[in-house]
Amino acid sequence: MASKVHTFTIDCADPKKLADFWTAALNYQLKDIDEEDALIFDPTGEGTQILFQIVPEGKTVKNRLHFDLRPEDTRDAEVVRLEALGATVQAQFGWTVMQDPEGNEFCVETGPGDKKKPDAAQA
């Protein structure tokens, strides 16, 4: 039998700040918080819970793991919503690379509301 991911843990400087951002970004809820960590969860039971734990060192390099978010509607609308929550845009490709309030990278993919552009060969 294989293991299942129970909790995704993110090291950070301010667990409350990141928990606040990610609960709003993912429509999660706060489960537990103290001075050292904050735990959030998906109230639908579908997503993995996320633990933000305080560590003394700061982030120094690109994340080895990151979230790829699929919006409910369009990528651009989701990017605007996430910027209003405190995220910043880092780069644009066929997806948008963003950073949360502590600089952790994540991506926003195209959503079902995004229209597929015709290939140049079809135009």
Protein backbone atom coordinates (compact mmCIF):
# COMPACT_ATOMS: atom_id res chain seq x y z
CA MET A 1 0.00 0.00 0.00
CA ALA A 2 1.34 3.48 -0.89
CA SER A 3 1.56 6.49 1.38
CA LYS A 4 -0.68 9.51 0.88
CA VAL A 5 0.27 13.16 1.36
CA HIS A 6 -1.37 14.17 4.64
CA THR A 7 0.11 17.65 5.06
CA PHE A 8 2.17 19.92 2.86
CA THR A 9 4.54 21.93 5.10
CA ILE A 10 5.97 25.34 4.20
CA ASP A 11 8.78 26.96 6.20
CA CYS A 12 8.21 30.67 6.74
CA ALA A 13 8.85 33.73 8.89
CA ASP A 14 5.20 34.59 9.61
CA PRO A 15 2.79 31.62 9.72
CA LYS A 16 -0.29 33.80 10.32
CA LYS A 17 0.46 36.05 7.35
CA LEU A 18 0.84 33.08 4.99
CA ALA A 19 -2.15 31.24 6.47
CA ASP A 20 -4.28 34.36 5.90
CA PHE A 21 -3.08 34.64 2.28
CA TRP A 22 -3.49 30.97 1.40
CA THR A 23 -6.88 30.52 3.11
CA ALA A 24 -8.19 33.36 0.92
CA ALA A 25 -6.37 32.16 -2.22
CA LEU A 26 -7.56 28.55 -1.92
CA ASN A 27 -10.87 29.06 -0.08
CA TYR A 28 -9.44 27.02 2.80
CA GLN A 29 -10.10 27.51 6.51
CA LEU A 30 -7.81 27.94 9.48
CA LYS A 31 -7.70 24.79 11.59
CA ASP A 32 -5.10 25.65 14.24
CA ILE A 33 -2.62 28.41 14.96
CA ASP A 34 -0.07 29.20 17.66
CA GLU A 35 3.13 31.23 17.85
CA GLU A 36 5.12 28.64 15.86
CA ASP A 37 2.78 27.41 13.13
CA ALA A 38 -0.58 27.64 11.43
CA LEU A 39 -2.55 24.80 9.85
CA ILE A 40 -5.14 25.33 7.12
CA PHE A 41 -7.46 22.82 5.46
CA ASP A 42 -9.89 22.42 2.59
CA PRO A 43 -13.42 22.42 4.07
CA THR A 44 -14.63 20.28 1.13
CA GLY A 45 -12.23 17.52 2.19
CA GLU A 46 -10.72 17.31 -1.30
CA GLY A 47 -7.43 19.19 -0.82
CA THR A 48 -4.39 18.46 1.30
CA GLN A 49 -3.97 20.45 4.50
CA ILE A 50 -1.08 22.93 4.61
CA LEU A 51 1.10 23.71 7.62
CA PHE A 52 3.09 26.95 7.79
CA GLN A 53 5.89 26.58 10.32
CA ILE A 54 8.19 29.30 11.54
CA VAL A 55 11.91 28.85 10.88
CA PRO A 56 14.80 31.20 11.73
CA GLU A 57 16.35 31.36 8.25
CA GLY A 58 14.86 33.26 5.34
CA LYS A 59 14.11 32.02 1.84
CA THR A 60 17.24 32.22 -0.33
CA VAL A 61 16.58 30.30 -3.57
CA LYS A 62 13.76 29.24 -5.87
CA ASN A 63 11.32 26.75 -4.35
CA ARG A 64 11.98 23.10 -5.22
CA LEU A 65 8.21 22.44 -4.95
CA HIS A 66 5.39 24.83 -5.75
CA PHE A 67 1.65 24.97 -6.26
CA ASP A 68 0.08 25.10 -9.74
CA LEU A 69 -3.32 26.74 -9.32
CA ARG A 70 -6.15 26.25 -11.81
CA PRO A 71 -8.65 29.10 -11.58
CA GLU A 72 -12.39 28.60 -11.70
CA ASP A 73 -12.69 31.11 -14.57
CA THR A 74 -9.78 32.91 -16.30
CA ARG A 75 -6.11 33.13 -15.48
CA ASP A 76 -6.05 36.92 -15.74
CA ALA A 77 -8.98 37.37 -13.34
CA GLU A 78 -7.33 35.02 -10.86
CA VAL A 79 -4.01 36.87 -11.09
CA VAL A 80 -5.78 40.15 -10.30
CA ARG A 81 -7.59 38.51 -7.34
CA LEU A 82 -4.34 37.06 -5.97
CA GLU A 83 -2.52 40.39 -6.37
CA ALA A 84 -5.27 42.02 -4.27
CA LEU A 85 -4.53 39.40 -1.57
CA GLY A 86 -0.81 40.29 -1.55
CA ALA A 87 0.79 38.14 -4.28
CA THR A 88 3.09 39.57 -6.93
CA VAL A 89 3.64 38.61 -10.56
CA GLN A 90 7.13 37.29 -11.30
CA ALA A 91 6.84 36.13 -14.94
CA GLN A 92 4.33 35.42 -17.71
CA PHE A 93 4.42 32.41 -20.04
CA GLY A 94 1.41 30.28 -21.04
CA TRP A 95 0.88 30.50 -17.26
CA THR A 96 1.71 33.17 -14.69
CA VAL A 97 4.45 32.71 -12.11
CA MET A 98 3.60 34.54 -8.90
CA GLN A 99 5.01 34.91 -5.41
CA ASP A 100 3.08 34.80 -2.15
CA PRO A 101 3.70 37.50 0.50
CA GLU A 102 6.95 35.79 1.60
CA GLY A 103 8.29 35.23 -1.91
CA ASN A 104 7.32 31.56 -2.37
CA GLU A 105 6.71 30.90 -6.05
CA PHE A 106 3.50 29.40 -7.39
CA CYS A 107 1.89 29.27 -10.83
CA VAL A 108 -1.55 30.19 -12.11
CA GLU A 109 -2.59 28.09 -15.11
CA THR A 110 -5.24 28.92 -17.68
CA GLY A 111 -8.79 28.30 -16.57
CA PRO A 112 -11.95 27.07 -18.24
CA GLY A 113 -12.94 30.66 -19.08
CA ASP A 114 -9.78 31.25 -21.12
CA LYS A 115 -10.40 30.90 -24.85
CA LYS A 116 -7.85 28.90 -26.77
CA LYS A 117 -6.08 31.10 -29.33
CA PRO A 118 -5.88 29.71 -32.86
CA ASP A 119 -2.50 28.50 -34.03
CA ALA A 120 -0.66 30.81 -36.44
CA ALA A 121 -0.93 28.08 -39.08
CA GLN A 122 -4.74 28.20 -38.81
CA ALA A 123 -4.98 31.99 -39.02
